[in-house]
């Protein structure tokens, strides 16, 4: 049975490719998904790639990753990174290690983006490299 990575994406990431390309680039979420599936396959891993605009759904998906005994959860919680204690609590409550990713580097942006609740539970963080942030996270997950 193939080990699975849950790759979870938060609010507004469905608009990638057109949303503030000067910050997030022009790569679409579908292109990120395809690249992630290909990289994971190189490591013999499967991917469950999801996106939602709803905080509670992300919490449910973290629980689902736990129930599925996922190898790891890679999460770009987007704006919820900086606001969601619920996601922090969920990430701390599950067994699979959590790896945080960001397309941009939140520490080079507005002050309110400098705190990461997800980061308080994550074993690693990859940021500021666009699509490569996800690919580095997959490589790290494969080596856990």
Protein backbone atom coordinates (compact mmCIF):
# COMPACT_ATOMS: atom_id res chain seq x y z
CA UNK A 1 0.00 0.00 0.00
CA UNK A 2 1.35 3.41 -1.00
CA UNK A 3 1.92 5.99 1.71
CA UNK A 4 -0.17 9.09 1.18
CA UNK A 5 0.55 12.77 1.65
CA UNK A 6 -2.34 15.10 2.31
CA UNK A 7 -1.66 18.46 0.65
CA UNK A 8 -4.18 20.96 1.97
CA UNK A 9 -4.73 24.46 0.65
CA UNK A 10 -6.70 27.26 2.25
CA UNK A 11 -8.71 30.28 1.22
CA UNK A 12 -8.28 32.08 -2.08
CA UNK A 13 -5.66 29.66 -3.38
CA UNK A 14 -8.23 28.54 -5.96
CA UNK A 15 -7.55 31.93 -7.59
CA UNK A 16 -3.83 31.33 -8.11
CA UNK A 17 -2.61 32.30 -11.53
CA UNK A 18 -4.68 35.48 -11.57
CA UNK A 19 -4.65 36.57 -7.90
CA UNK A 20 -1.95 39.17 -7.22
CA UNK A 21 0.60 37.58 -9.57
CA UNK A 22 3.26 40.02 -8.37
CA UNK A 23 3.08 38.24 -4.99
CA UNK A 24 1.93 34.70 -5.80
CA UNK A 25 3.15 34.25 -9.38
CA UNK A 26 1.18 32.97 -12.35
CA UNK A 27 1.22 29.25 -11.56
CA UNK A 28 -2.31 27.91 -11.08
CA UNK A 29 -3.38 25.58 -8.30
CA UNK A 30 -3.98 22.86 -10.91
CA UNK A 31 -0.36 23.25 -12.07
CA UNK A 32 0.85 23.04 -8.46
CA UNK A 33 -1.22 19.90 -7.97
CA UNK A 34 0.21 18.25 -11.09
CA UNK A 35 3.78 19.06 -10.04
CA UNK A 36 3.14 17.77 -6.52
CA UNK A 37 1.68 14.50 -7.76
CA UNK A 38 4.68 14.02 -10.06
CA UNK A 39 7.23 14.78 -7.31
CA UNK A 40 5.47 12.54 -4.79
CA UNK A 41 5.40 9.72 -7.34
CA UNK A 42 9.22 9.99 -7.61
CA UNK A 43 9.30 9.14 -3.90
CA UNK A 44 6.74 6.34 -4.24
CA UNK A 45 4.09 8.39 -2.46
CA UNK A 46 0.48 9.12 -3.26
CA UNK A 47 -1.17 12.53 -2.90
CA UNK A 48 -4.55 13.66 -1.68
CA UNK A 49 -4.59 17.30 -2.86
CA UNK A 50 -7.41 19.57 -1.68
CA UNK A 51 -8.43 23.24 -1.46
CA UNK A 52 -11.16 24.97 0.53
CA UNK A 53 -12.12 28.47 1.51
CA UNK A 54 -13.56 27.25 4.83
CA UNK A 55 -11.62 26.94 8.08
CA UNK A 56 -13.68 24.11 9.56
CA UNK A 57 -13.19 22.03 6.43
CA UNK A 58 -9.41 22.31 6.88
CA UNK A 59 -9.82 21.13 10.49
CA UNK A 60 -11.91 18.16 9.29
CA UNK A 61 -9.28 17.32 6.67
CA UNK A 62 -6.51 17.34 9.29
CA UNK A 63 -8.57 14.86 11.30
CA UNK A 64 -9.13 12.80 8.14
CA UNK A 65 -5.36 12.69 7.49
CA UNK A 66 -4.94 11.33 11.01
CA UNK A 67 -7.60 8.66 10.47
CA UNK A 68 -6.01 7.70 7.14
CA UNK A 69 -2.58 7.39 8.81
CA UNK A 70 -1.10 9.79 6.26
CA UNK A 71 2.69 9.91 6.06
CA UNK A 72 2.49 13.71 6.46
CA UNK A 73 0.27 16.72 5.95
CA UNK A 74 1.59 19.56 3.84
CA UNK A 75 -0.54 22.64 4.42
CA UNK A 76 -0.75 26.09 2.95
CA UNK A 77 -3.40 27.49 5.26
CA UNK A 78 -3.15 30.87 3.50
CA UNK A 79 -4.71 33.63 5.64
CA UNK A 80 -5.77 31.09 8.29
CA UNK A 81 -2.07 30.62 9.02
CA UNK A 82 -2.14 33.90 10.91
CA UNK A 83 -5.54 33.66 12.58
CA UNK A 84 -6.61 30.10 13.31
CA UNK A 85 -6.09 28.64 16.74
CA UNK A 86 -8.50 25.90 15.61
CA UNK A 87 -6.01 24.79 12.94
CA UNK A 88 -3.17 24.93 15.47
CA UNK A 89 -5.12 22.72 17.85
CA UNK A 90 -6.01 20.27 15.06
CA UNK A 91 -2.40 20.12 13.84
CA UNK A 92 -1.18 19.42 17.37
CA UNK A 93 -3.84 16.74 17.90
CA UNK A 94 -2.96 14.53 14.93
CA UNK A 95 -0.23 11.94 14.49
CA UNK A 96 1.01 12.73 10.95
CA UNK A 97 3.71 15.40 10.95
CA UNK A 98 2.59 18.76 9.58
CA UNK A 99 4.74 20.72 7.13
CA UNK A 100 3.83 24.35 6.47
CA UNK A 101 4.22 25.88 2.99
CA UNK A 102 3.80 29.36 1.54
CA UNK A 103 4.29 30.61 -1.99
CA UNK A 104 5.51 33.98 -0.75
CA UNK A 105 7.52 34.70 2.39
CA UNK A 106 5.09 36.02 5.01
CA UNK A 107 7.93 37.61 6.98
CA UNK A 108 8.64 40.01 4.10
CA UNK A 109 5.01 41.15 4.00
CA UNK A 110 2.58 42.93 6.32
CA UNK A 111 3.25 42.63 10.06
CA UNK A 112 0.03 40.69 10.69
CA UNK A 113 1.41 37.89 8.49
CA UNK A 114 4.52 37.40 10.64
CA UNK A 115 2.82 35.11 13.18
CA UNK A 116 2.07 31.56 12.10
CA UNK A 117 -0.21 29.48 14.27
CA UNK A 118 0.39 26.50 11.96
CA UNK A 119 4.13 27.04 12.39
CA UNK A 120 3.77 26.41 16.11
CA UNK A 121 2.81 22.80 15.30
CA UNK A 122 4.75 22.24 12.06
CA UNK A 123 7.94 20.21 11.89
CA UNK A 124 9.21 22.23 8.90
CA UNK A 125 8.29 25.32 6.91
CA UNK A 126 9.06 26.11 3.28
CA UNK A 127 8.26 29.62 2.08
CA UNK A 128 9.01 32.24 -0.50
CA UNK A 129 9.85 29.90 -3.38
CA UNK A 130 6.52 29.63 -5.15
CA UNK A 131 5.85 26.12 -6.44
CA UNK A 132 9.29 25.00 -5.19
CA UNK A 133 8.06 25.50 -1.60
CA UNK A 134 5.63 22.63 -2.17
CA UNK A 135 8.23 20.45 -3.88
CA UNK A 136 10.74 20.94 -1.05
CA UNK A 137 8.00 20.05 1.43
CA UNK A 138 7.31 16.80 -0.45
CA UNK A 139 11.02 15.94 -0.44
CA UNK A 140 11.14 16.61 3.31
CA UNK A 141 8.01 14.53 3.92
CA UNK A 142 9.49 11.63 1.98
CA UNK A 143 12.50 11.66 4.27
CA UNK A 144 10.55 11.67 7.54
